[in-house]
Amino acid sequence: MHKVKIMFFATLRTRAERRSMELEIENHLTVAGLKEILIAQIPALEASLPSTLISINREFAFDEELIPEGAEIALFPPVSGG
């Protein structure tokens, strides 16, 4: 087990009703596994997480990536524009 810091941005911050949180996670947890944990703890995020951009230590991450010990994880809603 190890701790990670999770930060929420833009509309995700509003839905999560917080700027950030610390979470203790299992070793070898993937980004996909983290999404499942977040949905269980903050159900308001469920509709947004499939299209959420996630970075680990300031680098974008895919669902299959492992989360390292002490990671700083940022969640960003999808961005569109014209």
PDB file of N, CA and C in Angstrom:
ATOM      1  N   MET A   1       0.844  -1.183   0.000  1.00  0.00           N
ATOM      2  CA  MET A   1       0.000   0.000   0.000  1.00  0.00           C
ATOM      3  C   MET A   1       0.889   1.246   0.000  1.00  0.00           C
ATOM      4  N   HIS A   2       0.411   2.268  -0.699  1.00  0.00           N
ATOM      5  CA  HIS A   2       1.112   3.541  -0.688  1.00  0.00           C
ATOM      6  C   HIS A   2       0.124   4.677  -0.969  1.00  0.00           C
ATOM      7  N   LYS A   3       0.543   5.885  -0.601  1.00  0.00           N
ATOM      8  CA  LYS A   3      -0.323   7.053  -0.763  1.00  0.00           C
ATOM      9  C   LYS A   3      -0.031   7.767  -2.069  1.00  0.00           C
ATOM     10  N   VAL A   4      -1.110   8.311  -2.645  1.00  0.00           N
ATOM     11  CA  VAL A   4      -0.999   9.169  -3.817  1.00  0.00           C
ATOM     12  C   VAL A   4      -1.845  10.412  -3.574  1.00  0.00           C
ATOM     13  N   LYS A   5      -1.504  11.478  -4.268  1.00  0.00           N
ATOM     14  CA  LYS A   5      -2.289  12.705  -4.198  1.00  0.00           C
ATOM     15  C   LYS A   5      -3.061  12.829  -5.499  1.00  0.00           C
ATOM     16  N   ILE A   6      -4.362  13.088  -5.378  1.00  0.00           N
ATOM     17  CA  ILE A   6      -5.226  13.236  -6.545  1.00  0.00           C
ATOM     18  C   ILE A   6      -5.758  14.658  -6.562  1.00  0.00           C
ATOM     19  N   MET A   7      -5.614  15.318  -7.712  1.00  0.00           N
ATOM     20  CA  MET A   7      -6.090  16.697  -7.861  1.00  0.00           C
ATOM     21  C   MET A   7      -7.164  16.740  -8.945  1.00  0.00           C
ATOM     22  N   PHE A   8      -8.214  17.492  -8.666  1.00  0.00           N
ATOM     23  CA  PHE A   8      -9.340  17.621  -9.585  1.00  0.00           C
ATOM     24  C   PHE A   8      -9.342  19.022 -10.189  1.00  0.00           C
ATOM     25  N   PHE A   9      -9.620  19.117 -11.498  1.00  0.00           N
ATOM     26  CA  PHE A   9      -9.628  20.407 -12.173  1.00  0.00           C
ATOM     27  C   PHE A   9     -10.959  20.648 -12.874  1.00  0.00           C
ATOM     28  N   ALA A  10     -11.300  21.927 -13.006  1.00  0.00           N
ATOM     29  CA  ALA A  10     -12.471  22.412 -13.749  1.00  0.00           C
ATOM     30  C   ALA A  10     -13.758  21.749 -13.239  1.00  0.00           C
ATOM     31  N   THR A  11     -14.570  21.200 -14.137  1.00  0.00           N
ATOM     32  CA  THR A  11     -15.865  20.644 -13.726  1.00  0.00           C
ATOM     33  C   THR A  11     -15.708  19.429 -12.813  1.00  0.00           C
ATOM     34  N   LEU A  12     -14.604  18.722 -12.917  1.00  0.00           N
ATOM     35  CA  LEU A  12     -14.384  17.573 -12.027  1.00  0.00           C
ATOM     36  C   LEU A  12     -14.232  18.036 -10.585  1.00  0.00           C
ATOM     37  N   ARG A  13     -13.636  19.188 -10.389  1.00  0.00           N
ATOM     38  CA  ARG A  13     -13.494  19.759  -9.045  1.00  0.00           C
ATOM     39  C   ARG A  13     -14.876  20.041  -8.460  1.00  0.00           C
ATOM     40  N   THR A  14     -15.762  20.575  -9.279  1.00  0.00           N
ATOM     41  CA  THR A  14     -17.126  20.870  -8.832  1.00  0.00           C
ATOM     42  C   THR A  14     -17.861  19.585  -8.482  1.00  0.00           C
ATOM     43  N   ARG A  15     -17.771  18.587  -9.345  1.00  0.00           N
ATOM     44  CA  ARG A  15     -18.470  17.317  -9.101  1.00  0.00           C
ATOM     45  C   ARG A  15     -17.911  16.582  -7.883  1.00  0.00           C
ATOM     46  N   ALA A  16     -16.601  16.640  -7.708  1.00  0.00           N
ATOM     47  CA  ALA A  16     -15.972  15.956  -6.569  1.00  0.00           C
ATOM     48  C   ALA A  16     -16.138  16.732  -5.266  1.00  0.00           C
ATOM     49  N   GLU A  17     -16.491  18.014  -5.391  1.00  0.00           N
ATOM     50  CA  GLU A  17     -16.655  18.904  -4.237  1.00  0.00           C
ATOM     51  C   GLU A  17     -15.374  19.010  -3.407  1.00  0.00           C
ATOM     52  N   ARG A  18     -14.249  19.013  -4.111  1.00  0.00           N
ATOM     53  CA  ARG A  18     -12.944  19.173  -3.457  1.00  0.00           C
ATOM     54  C   ARG A  18     -11.892  19.473  -4.519  1.00  0.00           C
ATOM     55  N   ARG A  19     -10.815  20.095  -4.077  1.00  0.00           N
ATOM     56  CA  ARG A  19      -9.691  20.398  -4.972  1.00  0.00           C
ATOM     57  C   ARG A  19      -8.774  19.192  -5.125  1.00  0.00           C
ATOM     58  N   SER A  20      -8.589  18.472  -4.021  1.00  0.00           N
ATOM     59  CA  SER A  20      -7.666  17.341  -4.041  1.00  0.00           C
ATOM     60  C   SER A  20      -8.005  16.391  -2.906  1.00  0.00           C
ATOM     61  N   MET A  21      -7.344  15.247  -2.936  1.00  0.00           N
ATOM     62  CA  MET A  21      -7.495  14.270  -1.860  1.00  0.00           C
ATOM     63  C   MET A  21      -6.268  13.377  -1.860  1.00  0.00           C
ATOM     64  N   GLU A  22      -5.989  12.791  -0.713  1.00  0.00           N
ATOM     65  CA  GLU A  22      -4.956  11.760  -0.627  1.00  0.00           C
ATOM     66  C   GLU A  22      -5.663  10.427  -0.519  1.00  0.00           C
ATOM     67  N   LEU A  23      -5.083   9.434  -1.136  1.00  0.00           N
ATOM     68  CA  LEU A  23      -5.696   8.122  -1.167  1.00  0.00           C
ATOM     69  C   LEU A  23      -4.611   7.074  -0.973  1.00  0.00           C
ATOM     70  N   GLU A  24      -4.882   6.100  -0.156  1.00  0.00           N
ATOM     71  CA  GLU A  24      -3.954   4.985   0.007  1.00  0.00           C
ATOM     72  C   GLU A  24      -4.405   3.882  -0.933  1.00  0.00           C
ATOM     73  N   ILE A  25      -3.513   3.464  -1.819  1.00  0.00           N
ATOM     74  CA  ILE A  25      -3.862   2.479  -2.836  1.00  0.00           C
ATOM     75  C   ILE A  25      -2.951   1.260  -2.747  1.00  0.00           C
ATOM     76  N   GLU A  26      -3.417   0.184  -3.347  1.00  0.00           N
ATOM     77  CA  GLU A  26      -2.632  -1.048  -3.416  1.00  0.00           C
ATOM     78  C   GLU A  26      -1.453  -0.858  -4.371  1.00  0.00           C
ATOM     79  N   ASN A  27      -0.391  -1.574  -4.119  1.00  0.00           N
ATOM     80  CA  ASN A  27       0.720  -1.613  -5.067  1.00  0.00           C
ATOM     81  C   ASN A  27       0.208  -2.227  -6.371  1.00  0.00           C
ATOM     82  N   HIS A  28       0.755  -1.836  -7.482  1.00  0.00           N
ATOM     83  CA  HIS A  28       0.411  -2.372  -8.799  1.00  0.00           C
ATOM     84  C   HIS A  28      -1.005  -2.017  -9.244  1.00  0.00           C
ATOM     85  N   LEU A  29      -1.562  -0.923  -8.729  1.00  0.00           N
ATOM     86  CA  LEU A  29      -2.871  -0.461  -9.180  1.00  0.00           C
ATOM     87  C   LEU A  29      -2.697   0.292 -10.498  1.00  0.00           C
ATOM     88  N   THR A  30      -3.607   0.039 -11.431  1.00  0.00           N
ATOM     89  CA  THR A  30      -3.574   0.741 -12.715  1.00  0.00           C
ATOM     90  C   THR A  30      -4.472   1.976 -12.663  1.00  0.00           C
ATOM     91  N   VAL A  31      -4.359   2.795 -13.689  1.00  0.00           N
ATOM     92  CA  VAL A  31      -5.232   3.964 -13.807  1.00  0.00           C
ATOM     93  C   VAL A  31      -6.690   3.505 -13.866  1.00  0.00           C
ATOM     94  N   ALA A  32      -6.981   2.435 -14.593  1.00  0.00           N
ATOM     95  CA  ALA A  32      -8.349   1.911 -14.665  1.00  0.00           C
ATOM     96  C   ALA A  32      -8.847   1.514 -13.278  1.00  0.00           C
ATOM     97  N   GLY A  33      -7.996   0.883 -12.485  1.00  0.00           N
ATOM     98  CA  GLY A  33      -8.368   0.513 -11.120  1.00  0.00           C
ATOM     99  C   GLY A  33      -8.625   1.726 -10.254  1.00  0.00           C
ATOM    100  N   LEU A  34      -7.834   2.762 -10.448  1.00  0.00           N
ATOM    101  CA  LEU A  34      -8.035   4.001  -9.698  1.00  0.00           C
ATOM    102  C   LEU A  34      -9.385   4.615 -10.040  1.00  0.00           C
ATOM    103  N   LYS A  35      -9.755   4.592 -11.315  1.00  0.00           N
ATOM    104  CA  LYS A  35     -11.059   5.125 -11.720  1.00  0.00           C
ATOM    105  C   LYS A  35     -12.186   4.406 -10.983  1.00  0.00           C
ATOM    106  N   GLU A  36     -12.090   3.086 -10.861  1.00  0.00           N
ATOM    107  CA  GLU A  36     -13.111   2.313 -10.145  1.00  0.00           C
ATOM    108  C   GLU A  36     -13.195   2.745  -8.686  1.00  0.00           C
ATOM    109  N   ILE A  37     -12.056   2.949  -8.044  1.00  0.00           N
ATOM    110  CA  ILE A  37     -12.032   3.390  -6.646  1.00  0.00           C
ATOM    111  C   ILE A  37     -12.658   4.771  -6.519  1.00  0.00           C
ATOM    112  N   LEU A  38     -12.314   5.672  -7.430  1.00  0.00           N
ATOM    113  CA  LEU A  38     -12.865   7.027  -7.367  1.00  0.00           C
ATOM    114  C   LEU A  38     -14.377   7.027  -7.550  1.00  0.00           C
ATOM    115  N   ILE A  39     -14.884   6.204  -8.462  1.00  0.00           N
ATOM    116  CA  ILE A  39     -16.334   6.119  -8.657  1.00  0.00           C
ATOM    117  C   ILE A  39     -17.009   5.598  -7.395  1.00  0.00           C
ATOM    118  N   ALA A  40     -16.398   4.617  -6.732  1.00  0.00           N
ATOM    119  CA  ALA A  40     -16.969   4.080  -5.491  1.00  0.00           C
ATOM    120  C   ALA A  40     -16.994   5.135  -4.392  1.00  0.00           C
ATOM    121  N   GLN A  41     -15.960   5.964  -4.318  1.00  0.00           N
ATOM    122  CA  GLN A  41     -15.876   6.972  -3.257  1.00  0.00           C
ATOM    123  C   GLN A  41     -16.599   8.267  -3.602  1.00  0.00           C
ATOM    124  N   ILE A  42     -16.650   8.607  -4.896  1.00  0.00           N
ATOM    125  CA  ILE A  42     -17.279   9.858  -5.334  1.00  0.00           C
ATOM    126  C   ILE A  42     -18.175   9.528  -6.533  1.00  0.00           C
ATOM    127  N   PRO A  43     -19.378   9.006  -6.291  1.00  0.00           N
ATOM    128  CA  PRO A  43     -20.258   8.582  -7.384  1.00  0.00           C
ATOM    129  C   PRO A  43     -20.561   9.673  -8.417  1.00  0.00           C
ATOM    130  N   ALA A  44     -20.491  10.926  -8.038  1.00  0.00           N
ATOM    131  CA  ALA A  44     -20.771  12.025  -8.973  1.00  0.00           C
ATOM    132  C   ALA A  44     -19.773  12.074 -10.130  1.00  0.00           C
ATOM    133  N   LEU A  45     -18.650  11.382 -10.014  1.00  0.00           N
ATOM    134  CA  LEU A  45     -17.641  11.378 -11.081  1.00  0.00           C
ATOM    135  C   LEU A  45     -17.886  10.307 -12.143  1.00  0.00           C
ATOM    136  N   GLU A  46     -18.808   9.402 -11.896  1.00  0.00           N
ATOM    137  CA  GLU A  46     -18.968   8.235 -12.771  1.00  0.00           C
ATOM    138  C   GLU A  46     -19.185   8.598 -14.245  1.00  0.00           C
ATOM    139  N   ALA A  47     -20.037   9.558 -14.526  1.00  0.00           N
ATOM    140  CA  ALA A  47     -20.322   9.910 -15.920  1.00  0.00           C
ATOM    141  C   ALA A  47     -19.122  10.558 -16.609  1.00  0.00           C
ATOM    142  N   SER A  48     -18.269  11.208 -15.850  1.00  0.00           N
ATOM    143  CA  SER A  48     -17.147  11.954 -16.426  1.00  0.00           C
ATOM    144  C   SER A  48     -15.879  11.131 -16.618  1.00  0.00           C
ATOM    145  N   LEU A  49     -15.649  10.140 -15.780  1.00  0.00           N
ATOM    146  CA  LEU A  49     -14.346   9.461 -15.784  1.00  0.00           C
ATOM    147  C   LEU A  49     -13.972   8.739 -17.080  1.00  0.00           C
ATOM    148  N   PRO A  50     -14.922   8.174 -17.834  1.00  0.00           N
ATOM    149  CA  PRO A  50     -14.489   7.513 -19.073  1.00  0.00           C
ATOM    150  C   PRO A  50     -13.764   8.440 -20.053  1.00  0.00           C
ATOM    151  N   SER A  51     -14.106   9.715 -20.056  1.00  0.00           N
ATOM    152  CA  SER A  51     -13.472  10.648 -20.992  1.00  0.00           C
ATOM    153  C   SER A  51     -12.491  11.610 -20.318  1.00  0.00           C
ATOM    154  N   THR A  52     -12.194  11.358 -19.057  1.00  0.00           N
ATOM    155  CA  THR A  52     -11.286  12.219 -18.304  1.00  0.00           C
ATOM    156  C   THR A  52      -9.833  11.986 -18.720  1.00  0.00           C
ATOM    157  N   LEU A  53      -9.088  13.065 -18.847  1.00  0.00           N
ATOM    158  CA  LEU A  53      -7.647  12.972 -19.093  1.00  0.00           C
ATOM    159  C   LEU A  53      -6.950  12.883 -17.742  1.00  0.00           C
ATOM    160  N   ILE A  54      -6.038  11.936 -17.612  1.00  0.00           N
ATOM    161  CA  ILE A  54      -5.349  11.721 -16.342  1.00  0.00           C
ATOM    162  C   ILE A  54      -3.847  11.841 -16.566  1.00  0.00           C
ATOM    163  N   SER A  55      -3.211  12.576 -15.670  1.00  0.00           N
ATOM    164  CA  SER A  55      -1.750  12.635 -15.724  1.00  0.00           C
ATOM    165  C   SER A  55      -1.181  12.098 -14.419  1.00  0.00           C
ATOM    166  N   ILE A  56      -0.041  11.443 -14.543  1.00  0.00           N
ATOM    167  CA  ILE A  56       0.699  10.939 -13.391  1.00  0.00           C
ATOM    168  C   ILE A  56       2.043  11.645 -13.410  1.00  0.00           C
ATOM    169  N   ASN A  57       2.316  12.373 -12.339  1.00  0.00           N
ATOM    170  CA  ASN A  57       3.565  13.133 -12.251  1.00  0.00           C
ATOM    171  C   ASN A  57       3.800  13.983 -13.505  1.00  0.00           C
ATOM    172  N   ARG A  58       2.741  14.661 -13.926  1.00  0.00           N
ATOM    173  CA  ARG A  58       2.745  15.630 -15.036  1.00  0.00           C
ATOM    174  C   ARG A  58       2.954  15.025 -16.419  1.00  0.00           C
ATOM    175  N   GLU A  59       2.670  13.727 -16.563  1.00  0.00           N
ATOM    176  CA  GLU A  59       2.701  13.087 -17.874  1.00  0.00           C
ATOM    177  C   GLU A  59       1.394  12.335 -18.064  1.00  0.00           C
ATOM    178  N   PHE A  60       0.750  12.519 -19.233  1.00  0.00           N
ATOM    179  CA  PHE A  60      -0.529  11.868 -19.466  1.00  0.00           C
ATOM    180  C   PHE A  60      -0.384  10.355 -19.391  1.00  0.00           C
ATOM    181  N   ALA A  61      -1.422   9.708 -18.850  1.00  0.00           N
ATOM    182  CA  ALA A  61      -1.380   8.273 -18.595  1.00  0.00           C
ATOM    183  C   ALA A  61      -2.588   7.580 -19.220  1.00  0.00           C
ATOM    184  N   PHE A  62      -2.392   6.328 -19.607  1.00  0.00           N
ATOM    185  CA  PHE A  62      -3.453   5.498 -20.153  1.00  0.00           C
ATOM    186  C   PHE A  62      -3.962   4.543 -19.078  1.00  0.00           C
ATOM    187  N   ASP A  63      -5.143   3.949 -19.315  1.00  0.00           N
ATOM    188  CA  ASP A  63      -5.796   3.100 -18.317  1.00  0.00           C
ATOM    189  C   ASP A  63      -4.930   1.944 -17.823  1.00  0.00           C
ATOM    190  N   GLU A  64      -4.072   1.405 -18.674  1.00  0.00           N
ATOM    191  CA  GLU A  64      -3.288   0.222 -18.287  1.00  0.00           C
ATOM    192  C   GLU A  64      -2.009   0.566 -17.524  1.00  0.00           C
ATOM    193  N   GLU A  65      -1.696   1.834 -17.394  1.00  0.00           N
ATOM    194  CA  GLU A  65      -0.458   2.224 -16.707  1.00  0.00           C
ATOM    195  C   GLU A  65      -0.555   2.014 -15.200  1.00  0.00           C
ATOM    196  N   LEU A  66       0.557   1.566 -14.613  1.00  0.00           N
ATOM    197  CA  LEU A  66       0.638   1.392 -13.164  1.00  0.00           C
ATOM    198  C   LEU A  66       0.911   2.732 -12.497  1.00  0.00           C
ATOM    199  N   ILE A  67       0.359   2.897 -11.308  1.00  0.00           N
ATOM    200  CA  ILE A  67       0.542   4.138 -10.559  1.00  0.00           C
ATOM    201  C   ILE A  67       1.701   3.947  -9.585  1.00  0.00           C
ATOM    202  N   PRO A  68       2.759   4.742  -9.722  1.00  0.00           N
ATOM    203  CA  PRO A  68       3.915   4.574  -8.837  1.00  0.00           C
ATOM    204  C   PRO A  68       3.669   5.141  -7.440  1.00  0.00           C
ATOM    205  N   GLU A  69       4.481   4.702  -6.517  1.00  0.00           N
ATOM    206  CA  GLU A  69       4.400   5.181  -5.136  1.00  0.00           C
ATOM    207  C   GLU A  69       4.607   6.690  -5.090  1.00  0.00           C
ATOM    208  N   GLY A  70       3.782   7.357  -4.293  1.00  0.00           N
ATOM    209  CA  GLY A  70       3.913   8.795  -4.093  1.00  0.00           C
ATOM    210  C   GLY A  70       3.507   9.642  -5.283  1.00  0.00           C
ATOM    211  N   ALA A  71       2.769   9.065  -6.210  1.00  0.00           N
ATOM    212  CA  ALA A  71       2.407   9.779  -7.436  1.00  0.00           C
ATOM    213  C   ALA A  71       1.503  10.972  -7.162  1.00  0.00           C
ATOM    214  N   GLU A  72       1.648  11.965  -8.029  1.00  0.00           N
ATOM    215  CA  GLU A  72       0.740  13.109  -8.060  1.00  0.00           C
ATOM    216  C   GLU A  72      -0.121  12.923  -9.309  1.00  0.00           C
ATOM    217  N   ILE A  73      -1.407  12.728  -9.084  1.00  0.00           N
ATOM    218  CA  ILE A  73      -2.328  12.399 -10.168  1.00  0.00           C
ATOM    219  C   ILE A  73      -3.274  13.570 -10.374  1.00  0.00           C
ATOM    220  N   ALA A  74      -3.407  14.000 -11.616  1.00  0.00           N
ATOM    221  CA  ALA A  74      -4.306  15.107 -11.938  1.00  0.00           C
ATOM    222  C   ALA A  74      -5.380  14.615 -12.896  1.00  0.00           C
ATOM    223  N   LEU A  75      -6.620  15.031 -12.632  1.00  0.00           N
ATOM    224  CA  LEU A  75      -7.746  14.659 -13.477  1.00  0.00           C
ATOM    225  C   LEU A  75      -8.300  15.908 -14.152  1.00  0.00           C
ATOM    226  N   PHE A  76      -8.398  15.849 -15.492  1.00  0.00           N
ATOM    227  CA  PHE A  76      -8.881  16.970 -16.291  1.00  0.00           C
ATOM    228  C   PHE A  76     -10.073  16.514 -17.128  1.00  0.00           C
ATOM    229  N   PRO A  77     -11.136  17.304 -17.177  1.00  0.00           N
ATOM    230  CA  PRO A  77     -12.245  16.949 -18.066  1.00  0.00           C
ATOM    231  C   PRO A  77     -11.814  17.146 -19.516  1.00  0.00           C
ATOM    232  N   PRO A  78     -12.520  16.501 -20.451  1.00  0.00           N
ATOM    233  CA  PRO A  78     -12.171  16.714 -21.857  1.00  0.00           C
ATOM    234  C   PRO A  78     -12.388  18.176 -22.238  1.00  0.00           C
ATOM    235  N   VAL A  79     -11.564  18.654 -23.148  1.00  0.00           N
ATOM    236  CA  VAL A  79     -11.632  20.049 -23.575  1.00  0.00           C
ATOM    237  C   VAL A  79     -12.035  20.078 -25.044  1.00  0.00           C
ATOM    238  N   SER A  80     -12.934  20.977 -25.370  1.00  0.00           N
ATOM    239  CA  SER A  80     -13.298  21.151 -26.775  1.00  0.00           C
ATOM    240  C   SER A  80     -13.322  22.631 -27.089  1.00  0.00           C
ATOM    241  N   GLY A  81     -13.262  22.923 -28.319  1.00  0.00           N
ATOM    242  CA  GLY A  81     -13.281  24.328 -28.700  1.00  0.00           C
ATOM    243  C   GLY A  81     -13.356  24.466 -30.200  1.00  0.00           C
ATOM    244  N   GLY A  82     -13.383  25.689 -30.633  1.00  0.00           N
ATOM    245  CA  GLY A  82     -13.516  25.877 -32.068  1.00  0.00           C
ATOM    246  C   GLY A  82     -12.610  26.943 -32.592  1.00  0.00           C
TER     247      GLY A  82
END
